[in-house]
C-alpha atoms as a PDB file:
ATOM      1  CA  MET A   1     -20.691  22.384  55.335  1.00  0.00           C
ATOM      2  CA  THR A   2     -23.188  24.395  53.313  1.00  0.00           C
ATOM      3  CA  GLY A   3     -25.834  22.943  51.061  1.00  0.00           C
ATOM      4  CA  PHE A   4     -26.754  23.474  47.448  1.00  0.00           C
ATOM      5  CA  ASN A   5     -30.385  23.367  46.306  1.00  0.00           C
ATOM      6  CA  LYS A   6     -30.887  23.787  42.553  1.00  0.00           C
ATOM      7  CA  VAL A   7     -33.073  21.917  40.096  1.00  0.00           C
ATOM      8  CA  ILE A   8     -33.494  22.281  36.329  1.00  0.00           C
ATOM      9  CA  LEU A   9     -36.538  20.731  34.670  1.00  0.00           C
ATOM     10  CA  LEU A  10     -37.715  20.533  31.085  1.00  0.00           C
ATOM     11  CA  GLY A  11     -41.274  19.354  30.732  1.00  0.00           C
ATOM     12  CA  ASN A  12     -44.784  20.048  29.561  1.00  0.00           C
ATOM     13  CA  CYS A  13     -47.358  22.002  31.516  1.00  0.00           C
ATOM     14  CA  VAL A  14     -50.146  19.648  32.654  1.00  0.00           C
ATOM     15  CA  ARG A  15     -52.759  22.343  33.334  1.00  0.00           C
ATOM     16  CA  ASP A  16     -53.030  26.097  32.929  1.00  0.00           C
ATOM     17  CA  PRO A  17     -51.310  27.992  35.758  1.00  0.00           C
ATOM     18  CA  GLU A  18     -53.484  29.216  38.625  1.00  0.00           C
ATOM     19  CA  LEU A  19     -52.758  32.837  39.531  1.00  0.00           C
ATOM     20  CA  ARG A  20     -53.615  34.335  42.917  1.00  0.00           C
ATOM     21  CA  TYR A  21     -52.397  37.248  45.020  1.00  0.00           C
ATOM     22  CA  THR A  22     -51.231  37.322  48.625  1.00  0.00           C
ATOM     23  CA  PRO A  23     -52.925  39.799  51.001  1.00  0.00           C
ATOM     24  CA  SER A  24     -49.973  42.152  50.397  1.00  0.00           C
ATOM     25  CA  GLY A  25     -50.577  42.022  46.622  1.00  0.00           C
ATOM     26  CA  THR A  26     -47.747  39.698  45.543  1.00  0.00           C
ATOM     27  CA  ALA A  27     -48.624  37.456  42.586  1.00  0.00           C
ATOM     28  CA  VAL A  28     -48.262  33.679  43.048  1.00  0.00           C
ATOM     29  CA  SER A  29     -48.758  31.163  40.252  1.00  0.00           C
ATOM     30  CA  ASP A  30     -48.955  27.386  40.624  1.00  0.00           C
ATOM     31  CA  PHE A  31     -48.687  24.860  37.810  1.00  0.00           C
ATOM     32  CA  ARG A  32     -47.655  21.246  37.281  1.00  0.00           C
ATOM     33  CA  LEU A  33     -45.040  19.863  34.910  1.00  0.00           C
ATOM     34  CA  ALA A  34     -44.893  16.417  33.375  1.00  0.00           C
ATOM     35  CA  VAL A  35     -41.235  15.443  32.989  1.00  0.00           C
ATOM     36  CA  ASN A  36     -40.439  12.304  30.999  1.00  0.00           C
ATOM     37  CA  ARG A  37     -37.455  10.019  31.333  1.00  0.00           C
ATOM     38  CA  TYR A  38     -36.748   7.270  28.822  1.00  0.00           C
ATOM     39  CA  PHE A  39     -34.570   4.269  29.567  1.00  0.00           C
ATOM     40  CA  GLY A  40     -33.752   0.905  28.084  1.00  0.00           C
ATOM     41  CA  SER A  41     -33.551   0.148  24.394  1.00  0.00           C
ATOM     42  CA  GLY A  42     -35.396  -1.693  21.671  1.00  0.00           C
ATOM     43  CA  GLU A  43     -38.442  -3.601  22.901  1.00  0.00           C
ATOM     44  CA  ASN A  44     -37.342  -2.944  26.506  1.00  0.00           C
ATOM     45  CA  ARG A  45     -37.482   0.849  26.110  1.00  0.00           C
ATOM     46  CA  LYS A  46     -39.646   2.353  28.845  1.00  0.00           C
ATOM     47  CA  GLN A  47     -40.900   5.760  29.845  1.00  0.00           C
ATOM     48  CA  GLU A  48     -41.191   7.154  33.345  1.00  0.00           C
ATOM     49  CA  THR A  49     -43.216  10.333  33.887  1.00  0.00           C
ATOM     50  CA  LEU A  50     -42.929  12.513  36.979  1.00  0.00           C
ATOM     51  CA  PHE A  51     -45.542  15.140  37.796  1.00  0.00           C
ATOM     52  CA  ILE A  52     -43.917  18.047  39.600  1.00  0.00           C
ATOM     53  CA  ASP A  53     -45.652  21.014  41.242  1.00  0.00           C
ATOM     54  CA  VAL A  54     -44.031  24.372  40.488  1.00  0.00           C
ATOM     55  CA  GLN A  55     -44.681  27.749  42.090  1.00  0.00           C
ATOM     56  CA  ALA A  56     -43.602  31.158  40.783  1.00  0.00           C
ATOM     57  CA  TRP A  57     -43.761  34.555  42.479  1.00  0.00           C
ATOM     58  CA  GLY A  58     -44.004  38.206  41.439  1.00  0.00           C
ATOM     59  CA  LYS A  59     -43.649  39.225  37.800  1.00  0.00           C
ATOM     60  CA  SER A  60     -42.636  35.673  36.919  1.00  0.00           C
ATOM     61  CA  ALA A  61     -45.983  34.424  38.233  1.00  0.00           C
ATOM     62  CA  GLU A  62     -47.888  36.978  36.172  1.00  0.00           C
ATOM     63  CA  THR A  63     -45.910  36.241  32.996  1.00  0.00           C
ATOM     64  CA  LEU A  64     -46.344  32.487  33.356  1.00  0.00           C
ATOM     65  CA  SER A  65     -50.047  32.866  34.043  1.00  0.00           C
ATOM     66  CA  ARG A  66     -50.445  35.006  30.942  1.00  0.00           C
ATOM     67  CA  TYR A  67     -48.509  32.857  28.452  1.00  0.00           C
ATOM     68  CA  LEU A  68     -48.080  29.301  29.763  1.00  0.00           C
ATOM     69  CA  ARG A  69     -50.840  26.879  28.798  1.00  0.00           C
ATOM     70  CA  LYS A  70     -51.537  23.200  29.181  1.00  0.00           C
ATOM     71  CA  GLY A  71     -49.283  21.253  26.806  1.00  0.00           C
ATOM     72  CA  ASN A  72     -46.633  23.978  26.433  1.00  0.00           C
ATOM     73  CA  ALA A  73     -43.013  22.983  26.959  1.00  0.00           C
ATOM     74  CA  ILE A  74     -41.038  25.033  29.462  1.00  0.00           C
ATOM     75  CA  LEU A  75     -37.591  24.956  31.044  1.00  0.00           C
ATOM     76  CA  VAL A  76     -37.676  25.809  34.753  1.00  0.00           C
ATOM     77  CA  GLU A  77     -34.725  26.477  37.034  1.00  0.00           C
ATOM     78  CA  GLY A  78     -35.460  26.707  40.729  1.00  0.00           C
ATOM     79  CA  ARG A  79     -35.068  25.271  44.184  1.00  0.00           C
ATOM     80  CA  LEU A  80     -36.829  22.522  46.084  1.00  0.00           C
ATOM     81  CA  VAL A  81     -39.003  23.345  49.083  1.00  0.00           C
ATOM     82  CA  LEU A  82     -40.802  21.040  51.492  1.00  0.00           C
ATOM     83  CA  ASP A  83     -44.447  21.787  52.269  1.00  0.00           C
ATOM     84  CA  GLN A  84     -45.764  20.259  55.493  1.00  0.00           C
ATOM     85  CA  TRP A  85     -49.308  20.274  56.865  1.00  0.00           C
ATOM     86  CA  GLU A  86     -51.726  18.212  58.890  1.00  0.00           C
ATOM     87  CA  ALA A  87     -54.869  16.637  57.417  1.00  0.00           C
ATOM     88  CA  ASN A  88     -57.284  14.407  59.301  1.00  0.00           C
ATOM     89  CA  GLY A  89     -54.832  14.135  62.171  1.00  0.00           C
ATOM     90  CA  GLU A  90     -52.015  12.926  59.932  1.00  0.00           C
ATOM     91  CA  ARG A  91     -48.841  14.815  59.089  1.00  0.00           C
ATOM     92  CA  ARG A  92     -48.465  15.232  55.334  1.00  0.00           C
ATOM     93  CA  SER A  93     -45.678  16.625  53.191  1.00  0.00           C
ATOM     94  CA  LYS A  94     -44.712  17.151  49.583  1.00  0.00           C
ATOM     95  CA  ILE A  95     -41.781  18.603  47.706  1.00  0.00           C
ATOM     96  CA  ARG A  96     -42.348  21.323  45.115  1.00  0.00           C
ATOM     97  CA  VAL A  97     -40.143  23.579  43.026  1.00  0.00           C
ATOM     98  CA  VAL A  98     -40.029  27.348  43.461  1.00  0.00           C
ATOM     99  CA  ALA A  99     -39.188  28.754  40.033  1.00  0.00           C
ATOM    100  CA  GLU A 100     -36.315  31.236  39.962  1.00  0.00           C
ATOM    101  CA  ASN A 101     -35.814  31.358  36.167  1.00  0.00           C
ATOM    102  CA  PHE A 102     -37.744  29.963  33.234  1.00  0.00           C
ATOM    103  CA  GLN A 103     -37.682  29.823  29.464  1.00  0.00           C
ATOM    104  CA  PHE A 104     -40.571  29.092  27.137  1.00  0.00           C
ATOM    105  CA  MET A 105     -39.569  26.347  24.714  1.00  0.00           C
ATOM    106  CA  PRO A 106     -40.580  26.111  21.050  1.00  0.00           C
ATOM    107  CA  ARG A 107     -43.277  23.687  20.078  1.00  0.00           C
ATOM    108  CA  SER A 108     -42.055  20.455  18.581  1.00  0.00           C
ATOM    109  CA  SER A 109     -43.405  19.568  15.155  1.00  0.00           C
ATOM    110  CA  SER A 110     -44.925  16.376  16.568  1.00  0.00           C
ATOM    111  CA  SER A 111     -46.991  18.188  19.218  1.00  0.00           C
ATOM    112  CA  GLY A 112     -49.585  19.575  16.752  1.00  0.00           C
ATOM    113  CA  SER A 113     -52.693  21.221  18.108  1.00  0.00           C
ATOM    114  CA  SER A 114     -56.330  21.207  17.145  1.00  0.00           C
ATOM    115  CA  GLY A 115     -57.620  24.303  15.387  1.00  0.00           C
ATOM    116  CA  SER A 116     -60.140  25.650  17.887  1.00  0.00           C
ATOM    117  CA  HIS A 117     -57.986  24.930  20.935  1.00  0.00           C
ATOM    118  CA  ALA A 118     -55.027  26.768  19.432  1.00  0.00           C
ATOM    119  CA  GLN A 119     -57.137  29.889  18.876  1.00  0.00           C
ATOM    120  CA  GLU A 120     -58.065  30.044  22.569  1.00  0.00           C
ATOM    121  CA  ARG A 121     -54.422  30.422  23.638  1.00  0.00           C
ATOM    122  CA  PRO A 122     -52.675  33.762  23.832  1.00  0.00           C
ATOM    123  CA  SER A 123     -49.702  33.890  21.520  1.00  0.00           C
ATOM    124  CA  ALA A 124     -46.498  32.944  23.272  1.00  0.00           C
ATOM    125  CA  PRO A 125     -43.809  35.549  23.703  1.00  0.00           C
ATOM    126  CA  PRO A 126     -40.673  35.296  21.595  1.00  0.00           C
ATOM    127  CA  ARG A 127     -37.974  33.062  23.049  1.00  0.00           C
ATOM    128  CA  ASN A 128     -35.680  34.837  25.454  1.00  0.00           C
ATOM    129  CA  GLU A 129     -31.977  34.914  24.860  1.00  0.00           C
ATOM    130  CA  THR A 130     -31.590  34.873  28.637  1.00  0.00           C
ATOM    131  CA  PRO A 131     -34.008  33.337  31.124  1.00  0.00           C
ATOM    132  CA  HIS A 132     -36.485  35.506  33.020  1.00  0.00           C
ATOM    133  CA  THR A 133     -35.845  36.167  36.695  1.00  0.00           C
ATOM    134  CA  GLU A 134     -38.007  37.601  39.446  1.00  0.00           C
ATOM    135  CA  ASP A 135     -35.710  40.607  39.670  1.00  0.00           C
ATOM    136  CA  ASP A 136     -36.365  41.788  36.115  1.00  0.00           C
ATOM    137  CA  GLU A 137     -38.236  45.085  36.155  1.00  0.00           C
ATOM    138  CA  ASP A 138     -39.727  44.711  32.687  1.00  0.00           C
ATOM    139  CA  ILE A 139     -41.240  41.764  30.920  1.00  0.00           C
ATOM    140  CA  PRO A 140     -38.258  39.909  29.444  1.00  0.00           C
ATOM    141  CA  PHE A 141     -39.375  39.859  25.822  1.00  0.00           C
END
């Protein structure tokens, strides 16, 4: 039996992406998403927030690093990977998402931004009709 590993997340970027390059020159960008889930109703309505690490490679990494900022909403499609390492003699692990496609999402009217902070951000690209993939030769917008 073969497996299937696909995840789709819609959330807000928690911090600006960190861009770096491998020794061979490949771009890698890491960022974290906050993904909310609401459940219950009325006075029992609750919110659960997951913080998920995401990693993008190649042109996707460069595009995300250029346009994605803390607080921006983004849709990410990717696959789960397990990172394992040893720290202080203990085996550690964590699951992260490797982004395969993404789409910048429009700002909601309730997300407002302060004047000076908004000026520091580069303007976001227009929304794509199709999601961006690593294989795209040109920037998708």
